[in-house]
Amino acid sequence: TDGGWNLDEAVELSRRLGALGVDLVDCSSGGNVASARIPVKPGYQVPFAERIRQAAAVATGAVGLITDPADADAIIRGGQADLVLLAREMLRDPYWPLRAAGVLGHEVSWPSQ
């Protein structure tokens, strides 16, 4: 929102944190301002991760309604982020990694019990 934290400031903070040894930045717009108009759709926060990754030279985690395995795969393969964080999706579907592997054509086995 006007007068709030912006992406350029997030890049600078990430650059400084990287120099201090931080190895990953979780890139979220926060959603803490009730009046903010956020165009919510799958991957809507990925551009933040991509910009910080490129400009601050620090690894980034993308968030924001990323629930489709193909979308997560494309984000990583496209270099937009170093990993995809699935918080709420993992609560809804704790087997998401196994399902995603199948959707993406990878054979996986259950871990040893």
C-alpha atoms as a PDB file:
ATOM      1  CA  THR A   1       0.000   0.000   0.000  1.00  0.00           C
ATOM      2  CA  ASP A   2       1.089   3.605  -0.314  1.00  0.00           C
ATOM      3  CA  GLY A   3       3.804   4.382   2.191  1.00  0.00           C
ATOM      4  CA  GLY A   4       4.350   0.703   2.978  1.00  0.00           C
ATOM      5  CA  TRP A   5       7.234  -1.667   2.401  1.00  0.00           C
ATOM      6  CA  ASN A   6       7.962  -2.139  -1.298  1.00  0.00           C
ATOM      7  CA  LEU A   7       9.765  -4.653  -3.478  1.00  0.00           C
ATOM      8  CA  ASP A   8      12.869  -2.493  -3.930  1.00  0.00           C
ATOM      9  CA  GLU A   9      13.234  -2.354  -0.153  1.00  0.00           C
ATOM     10  CA  ALA A  10      12.747  -6.121   0.068  1.00  0.00           C
ATOM     11  CA  VAL A  11      15.513  -6.603  -2.506  1.00  0.00           C
ATOM     12  CA  GLU A  12      17.877  -4.385  -0.514  1.00  0.00           C
ATOM     13  CA  LEU A  13      17.058  -6.121   2.764  1.00  0.00           C
ATOM     14  CA  SER A  14      17.561  -9.513   1.116  1.00  0.00           C
ATOM     15  CA  ARG A  15      20.906  -8.391  -0.297  1.00  0.00           C
ATOM     16  CA  ARG A  16      22.048  -7.308   3.166  1.00  0.00           C
ATOM     17  CA  LEU A  17      20.758 -10.477   4.812  1.00  0.00           C
ATOM     18  CA  GLY A  18      22.547 -12.593   2.220  1.00  0.00           C
ATOM     19  CA  ALA A  19      25.809 -10.826   3.047  1.00  0.00           C
ATOM     20  CA  LEU A  20      25.220 -11.747   6.706  1.00  0.00           C
ATOM     21  CA  GLY A  21      24.799 -15.428   5.882  1.00  0.00           C
ATOM     22  CA  VAL A  22      21.052 -15.815   5.354  1.00  0.00           C
ATOM     23  CA  ASP A  23      20.691 -18.502   2.714  1.00  0.00           C
ATOM     24  CA  LEU A  24      16.958 -18.375   1.878  1.00  0.00           C
ATOM     25  CA  VAL A  25      14.293 -15.674   1.760  1.00  0.00           C
ATOM     26  CA  ASP A  26      10.620 -16.690   2.017  1.00  0.00           C
ATOM     27  CA  CYS A  27       8.999 -14.212  -0.391  1.00  0.00           C
ATOM     28  CA  SER A  28       5.516 -13.246   0.693  1.00  0.00           C
ATOM     29  CA  SER A  29       3.689  -9.953   0.456  1.00  0.00           C
ATOM     30  CA  GLY A  30       2.330 -10.595   3.920  1.00  0.00           C
ATOM     31  CA  GLY A  31      -1.312  -9.668   3.452  1.00  0.00           C
ATOM     32  CA  ASN A  32      -1.337  -7.741   6.728  1.00  0.00           C
ATOM     33  CA  VAL A  33      -3.119  -4.613   5.482  1.00  0.00           C
ATOM     34  CA  ALA A  34      -6.885  -5.011   5.235  1.00  0.00           C
ATOM     35  CA  SER A  35      -7.252  -2.258   2.622  1.00  0.00           C
ATOM     36  CA  ALA A  36      -4.630  -3.691   0.260  1.00  0.00           C
ATOM     37  CA  ARG A  37      -5.990  -4.828  -3.092  1.00  0.00           C
ATOM     38  CA  ILE A  38      -4.109  -8.012  -3.916  1.00  0.00           C
ATOM     39  CA  PRO A  39      -4.881  -9.794  -7.209  1.00  0.00           C
ATOM     40  CA  VAL A  40      -5.035 -13.271  -5.689  1.00  0.00           C
ATOM     41  CA  LYS A  41      -4.494 -16.158  -8.122  1.00  0.00           C
ATOM     42  CA  PRO A  42      -2.181 -19.176  -8.212  1.00  0.00           C
ATOM     43  CA  GLY A  43       1.431 -18.015  -8.086  1.00  0.00           C
ATOM     44  CA  TYR A  44       0.545 -14.372  -7.487  1.00  0.00           C
ATOM     45  CA  GLN A  45       3.594 -13.846  -5.259  1.00  0.00           C
ATOM     46  CA  VAL A  46       6.106 -15.660  -7.483  1.00  0.00           C
ATOM     47  CA  PRO A  47       7.305 -12.405  -9.139  1.00  0.00           C
ATOM     48  CA  PHE A  48       8.555 -11.249  -5.718  1.00  0.00           C
ATOM     49  CA  ALA A  49      10.679 -14.377  -5.353  1.00  0.00           C
ATOM     50  CA  GLU A  50      11.986 -14.049  -8.898  1.00  0.00           C
ATOM     51  CA  ARG A  51      12.998 -10.407  -8.516  1.00  0.00           C
ATOM     52  CA  ILE A  52      14.670 -10.932  -5.124  1.00  0.00           C
ATOM     53  CA  ARG A  53      16.479 -14.033  -6.404  1.00  0.00           C
ATOM     54  CA  GLN A  54      17.871 -12.155  -9.394  1.00  0.00           C
ATOM     55  CA  ALA A  55      18.598  -8.768  -7.838  1.00  0.00           C
ATOM     56  CA  ALA A  56      19.797  -9.818  -4.383  1.00  0.00           C
ATOM     57  CA  ALA A  57      21.614 -13.019  -5.411  1.00  0.00           C
ATOM     58  CA  VAL A  58      20.043 -15.016  -2.584  1.00  0.00           C
ATOM     59  CA  ALA A  59      17.969 -18.189  -2.794  1.00  0.00           C
ATOM     60  CA  THR A  60      14.227 -17.625  -2.611  1.00  0.00           C
ATOM     61  CA  GLY A  61      11.121 -19.570  -1.713  1.00  0.00           C
ATOM     62  CA  ALA A  62       7.963 -18.864  -3.711  1.00  0.00           C
ATOM     63  CA  VAL A  63       4.532 -18.893  -2.083  1.00  0.00           C
ATOM     64  CA  GLY A  64       0.978 -17.943  -2.954  1.00  0.00           C
ATOM     65  CA  LEU A  65      -1.708 -20.483  -3.804  1.00  0.00           C
ATOM     66  CA  ILE A  66       0.738 -22.816  -5.525  1.00  0.00           C
ATOM     67  CA  THR A  67      -1.177 -26.093  -5.423  1.00  0.00           C
ATOM     68  CA  ASP A  68      -0.680 -27.609  -8.866  1.00  0.00           C
ATOM     69  CA  PRO A  69       2.410 -29.798  -9.261  1.00  0.00           C
ATOM     70  CA  ALA A  70       2.998 -28.562 -12.821  1.00  0.00           C
ATOM     71  CA  ASP A  71       2.980 -24.946 -11.608  1.00  0.00           C
ATOM     72  CA  ALA A  72       5.465 -25.724  -8.830  1.00  0.00           C
ATOM     73  CA  ASP A  73       7.695 -27.561 -11.306  1.00  0.00           C
ATOM     74  CA  ALA A  74       7.563 -24.679 -13.798  1.00  0.00           C
ATOM     75  CA  ILE A  75       8.532 -22.147 -11.110  1.00  0.00           C
ATOM     76  CA  ILE A  76      11.649 -24.121 -10.225  1.00  0.00           C
ATOM     77  CA  ARG A  77      12.594 -25.094 -13.786  1.00  0.00           C
ATOM     78  CA  GLY A  78      12.038 -21.515 -14.957  1.00  0.00           C
ATOM     79  CA  GLY A  79      14.416 -20.130 -12.337  1.00  0.00           C
ATOM     80  CA  GLN A  80      11.765 -17.985 -10.697  1.00  0.00           C
ATOM     81  CA  ALA A  81      12.579 -19.424  -7.259  1.00  0.00           C
ATOM     82  CA  ASP A  82      14.788 -22.047  -5.658  1.00  0.00           C
ATOM     83  CA  LEU A  83      11.948 -23.825  -3.912  1.00  0.00           C
ATOM     84  CA  VAL A  84       8.195 -23.696  -3.543  1.00  0.00           C
ATOM     85  CA  LEU A  85       6.711 -23.461  -0.056  1.00  0.00           C
ATOM     86  CA  LEU A  86       3.365 -25.245   0.224  1.00  0.00           C
ATOM     87  CA  ALA A  87       2.246 -24.472   3.781  1.00  0.00           C
ATOM     88  CA  ARG A  88      -1.557 -24.525   3.555  1.00  0.00           C
ATOM     89  CA  GLU A  89      -1.592 -27.040   0.728  1.00  0.00           C
ATOM     90  CA  MET A  90       0.445 -29.459   2.851  1.00  0.00           C
ATOM     91  CA  LEU A  91      -2.099 -29.079   5.657  1.00  0.00           C
ATOM     92  CA  ARG A  92      -4.904 -29.890   3.224  1.00  0.00           C
ATOM     93  CA  ASP A  93      -3.028 -32.699   1.498  1.00  0.00           C
ATOM     94  CA  PRO A  94      -0.073 -34.163   3.434  1.00  0.00           C
ATOM     95  CA  TYR A  95       0.502 -36.602   0.557  1.00  0.00           C
ATOM     96  CA  TRP A  96       1.027 -33.750  -1.923  1.00  0.00           C
ATOM     97  CA  PRO A  97       4.678 -34.697  -2.625  1.00  0.00           C
ATOM     98  CA  LEU A  98       3.704 -38.258  -3.536  1.00  0.00           C
ATOM     99  CA  ARG A  99       0.778 -37.085  -5.658  1.00  0.00           C
ATOM    100  CA  ALA A 100       2.938 -34.444  -7.337  1.00  0.00           C
ATOM    101  CA  ALA A 101       5.617 -36.992  -8.181  1.00  0.00           C
ATOM    102  CA  GLY A 102       3.000 -39.141  -9.898  1.00  0.00           C
ATOM    103  CA  VAL A 103       1.507 -36.209 -11.793  1.00  0.00           C
ATOM    104  CA  LEU A 104       4.980 -35.220 -12.994  1.00  0.00           C
ATOM    105  CA  GLY A 105       5.805 -38.770 -14.077  1.00  0.00           C
ATOM    106  CA  HIS A 106       8.241 -39.764 -11.349  1.00  0.00           C
ATOM    107  CA  GLU A 107       8.109 -43.089  -9.569  1.00  0.00           C
ATOM    108  CA  VAL A 108       8.555 -42.788  -5.840  1.00  0.00           C
ATOM    109  CA  SER A 109       8.351 -45.300  -3.081  1.00  0.00           C
ATOM    110  CA  TRP A 110       6.943 -44.880   0.363  1.00  0.00           C
ATOM    111  CA  PRO A 111       9.584 -44.208   3.006  1.00  0.00           C
ATOM    112  CA  SER A 112      10.556 -47.119   5.235  1.00  0.00           C
ATOM    113  CA  GLN A 113       8.433 -47.296   8.325  1.00  0.00           C
END
